[in-house]
């Protein structure tokens, strides 16, 4: 039986495509074959962000400063990776276009958190939310965050968070 394996197109709780969470900036530059320069500092959760396209897939990478024991910045660490590409899927088959119920069915023993958007009028959305999934696999640290828009996955993030964003 012949099979084709496409490396770098899958998602695990701590890796999306070729990018592994907790990698040093130099490792990310080597993998992406791109020198990364940051033009904007301070995102909501991370110090730096950068959009890169690798093998036709657009990724948003979020970095934070790494410090030594004396509090000096020693470099940057990849904290999370996001994408909206339909080419990427988890091992369980969850990807862009999957539903919230698909996610819940795919991870029956994981820790799940569902966070609904609330409009300016204070009314909770029935179709837009974030589903955070952690403790997917005891041997792999990290977590998924699935952005749900109009009841379908519109974006996926993997990160070094591990408690479904308590």
Protein backbone atom coordinates (compact mmCIF):
# COMPACT_ATOMS: atom_id res chain seq x y z
CA UNK A 1 0.00 0.00 0.00
CA UNK A 2 1.40 3.38 -0.98
CA UNK A 3 0.70 6.51 0.97
CA UNK A 4 1.72 10.10 0.78
CA UNK A 5 2.79 11.94 3.89
CA UNK A 6 2.74 15.71 3.74
CA UNK A 7 4.98 17.10 6.44
CA UNK A 8 4.14 20.39 8.11
CA UNK A 9 0.44 20.45 7.23
CA UNK A 10 -0.96 19.10 10.49
CA UNK A 11 -1.83 20.55 13.85
CA UNK A 12 -1.04 19.17 17.32
CA UNK A 13 -1.66 20.95 20.64
CA UNK A 14 1.88 22.38 20.50
CA UNK A 15 2.64 22.61 16.78
CA UNK A 16 1.01 24.06 13.69
CA UNK A 17 2.56 23.21 10.35
CA UNK A 18 6.31 23.58 10.76
CA UNK A 19 6.09 25.83 13.85
CA UNK A 20 6.51 24.31 17.29
CA UNK A 21 5.36 26.30 20.31
CA UNK A 22 8.22 27.31 22.66
CA UNK A 23 10.72 27.44 19.77
CA UNK A 24 13.34 30.17 19.86
CA UNK A 25 13.11 32.96 17.29
CA UNK A 26 16.27 31.66 15.59
CA UNK A 27 14.64 28.22 15.15
CA UNK A 28 11.51 29.79 13.64
CA UNK A 29 13.64 31.82 11.22
CA UNK A 30 15.52 28.69 10.17
CA UNK A 31 12.30 26.71 9.60
CA UNK A 32 10.56 29.53 7.72
CA UNK A 33 13.73 30.52 5.80
CA UNK A 34 12.79 34.12 6.60
CA UNK A 35 14.46 36.75 8.76
CA UNK A 36 11.78 38.02 11.13
CA UNK A 37 11.66 41.70 12.00
CA UNK A 38 8.96 42.98 14.30
CA UNK A 39 7.23 46.25 13.45
CA UNK A 40 4.66 46.21 16.22
CA UNK A 41 5.13 45.36 19.85
CA UNK A 42 2.51 44.38 22.40
CA UNK A 43 -0.43 42.30 21.30
CA UNK A 44 -3.15 41.49 23.80
CA UNK A 45 -1.39 38.39 25.17
CA UNK A 46 2.09 38.48 23.66
CA UNK A 47 4.91 40.95 23.23
CA UNK A 48 5.33 40.57 19.46
CA UNK A 49 3.44 39.19 16.47
CA UNK A 50 4.35 38.42 12.88
CA UNK A 51 2.42 37.09 9.88
CA UNK A 52 4.38 34.65 7.70
CA UNK A 53 3.44 32.57 4.68
CA UNK A 54 5.15 29.19 4.40
CA UNK A 55 4.28 26.64 1.71
CA UNK A 56 1.26 28.72 0.71
CA UNK A 57 -0.21 28.79 4.23
CA UNK A 58 -0.50 32.02 6.19
CA UNK A 59 0.38 31.80 9.90
CA UNK A 60 0.30 34.44 12.61
CA UNK A 61 3.11 33.87 15.10
CA UNK A 62 3.05 35.34 18.60
CA UNK A 63 6.27 35.73 20.58
CA UNK A 64 7.22 36.80 24.07
CA UNK A 65 10.54 37.86 25.56
CA UNK A 66 12.66 35.18 27.22
CA UNK A 67 14.58 36.19 30.34
CA UNK A 68 17.60 34.86 32.19
CA UNK A 69 17.78 34.45 35.98
CA UNK A 70 18.81 38.09 36.36
CA UNK A 71 15.82 39.44 34.43
CA UNK A 72 17.71 40.27 31.24
CA UNK A 73 16.02 39.63 27.90
CA UNK A 74 17.89 36.80 26.18
CA UNK A 75 15.72 36.33 23.11
CA UNK A 76 12.20 35.66 21.93
CA UNK A 77 10.10 32.50 22.31
CA UNK A 78 7.15 31.41 20.15
CA UNK A 79 4.12 31.32 22.45
CA UNK A 80 1.37 30.54 19.98
CA UNK A 81 0.58 30.08 16.29
CA UNK A 82 -2.70 30.81 14.49
CA UNK A 83 -4.05 30.16 11.02
CA UNK A 84 -7.27 30.32 9.03
CA UNK A 85 -6.05 27.94 6.34
CA UNK A 86 -8.40 25.10 5.34
CA UNK A 87 -5.28 23.05 4.51
CA UNK A 88 -4.55 22.47 8.21
CA UNK A 89 -6.30 19.89 10.39
CA UNK A 90 -5.78 18.20 13.71
CA UNK A 91 -5.18 14.44 13.85
CA UNK A 92 -8.86 14.14 14.79
CA UNK A 93 -9.87 15.90 11.57
CA UNK A 94 -10.86 19.24 13.06
CA UNK A 95 -10.19 22.17 10.77
CA UNK A 96 -11.73 25.23 9.16
CA UNK A 97 -15.43 24.54 8.63
CA UNK A 98 -15.79 22.04 11.50
CA UNK A 99 -18.55 22.73 14.04
CA UNK A 100 -18.50 23.17 17.82
CA UNK A 101 -20.16 19.74 18.12
CA UNK A 102 -17.41 18.23 15.94
CA UNK A 103 -14.83 19.59 18.40
CA UNK A 104 -16.68 18.30 21.45
CA UNK A 105 -17.06 14.86 19.85
CA UNK A 106 -13.39 14.74 18.80
CA UNK A 107 -12.08 15.45 22.32
CA UNK A 108 -14.39 13.65 24.76
CA UNK A 109 -11.76 13.37 27.52
CA UNK A 110 -10.04 16.75 27.11
CA UNK A 111 -10.64 19.86 29.20
CA UNK A 112 -12.98 22.16 27.26
CA UNK A 113 -13.92 25.79 27.72
CA UNK A 114 -16.51 27.56 25.58
CA UNK A 115 -16.36 31.34 25.59
CA UNK A 116 -19.20 33.11 23.79
CA UNK A 117 -18.87 36.56 22.27
CA UNK A 118 -21.01 39.20 23.93
CA UNK A 119 -22.27 42.09 21.83
CA UNK A 120 -22.31 45.75 22.81
CA UNK A 121 -25.93 45.23 23.82
CA UNK A 122 -24.80 42.65 26.40
CA UNK A 123 -26.44 39.77 24.53
CA UNK A 124 -24.42 36.57 24.15
CA UNK A 125 -23.89 35.40 20.58
CA UNK A 126 -25.53 32.13 19.60
CA UNK A 127 -23.16 31.56 16.66
CA UNK A 128 -19.76 33.07 17.62
CA UNK A 129 -17.48 31.74 20.34
CA UNK A 130 -14.06 30.34 21.13
CA UNK A 131 -13.67 26.70 22.12
CA UNK A 132 -10.48 26.09 24.11
CA UNK A 133 -9.26 22.49 24.34
CA UNK A 134 -6.44 21.36 26.62
CA UNK A 135 -5.20 18.13 28.17
CA UNK A 136 -5.75 16.44 24.81
CA UNK A 137 -2.84 14.07 25.28
CA UNK A 138 -0.83 13.56 28.47
CA UNK A 139 2.40 13.24 26.48
CA UNK A 140 1.97 16.55 24.61
CA UNK A 141 1.80 19.93 26.32
CA UNK A 142 -0.15 22.74 24.76
CA UNK A 143 -3.70 23.58 23.83
CA UNK A 144 -6.01 24.34 20.93
CA UNK A 145 -8.26 27.36 20.58
CA UNK A 146 -10.90 27.19 17.88
CA UNK A 147 -12.52 30.47 16.76
CA UNK A 148 -16.15 29.79 15.85
CA UNK A 149 -17.94 32.21 13.51
CA UNK A 150 -21.46 31.47 12.29
CA UNK A 151 -21.25 28.03 13.95
CA UNK A 152 -18.12 26.96 11.99
CA UNK A 153 -14.42 26.95 12.84
CA UNK A 154 -12.95 30.08 11.22
CA UNK A 155 -9.51 30.02 12.83
CA UNK A 156 -7.30 27.76 14.92
CA UNK A 157 -4.59 28.60 17.45
CA UNK A 158 -2.13 26.33 19.24
CA UNK A 159 -0.35 27.65 22.29
CA UNK A 160 1.65 26.86 25.37
CA UNK A 161 -1.41 27.44 27.56
CA UNK A 162 -2.48 24.17 29.08
CA UNK A 163 -5.56 24.73 31.18
CA UNK A 164 -8.24 25.64 28.61
CA UNK A 165 -7.85 29.29 29.55
CA UNK A 166 -9.39 29.00 33.02
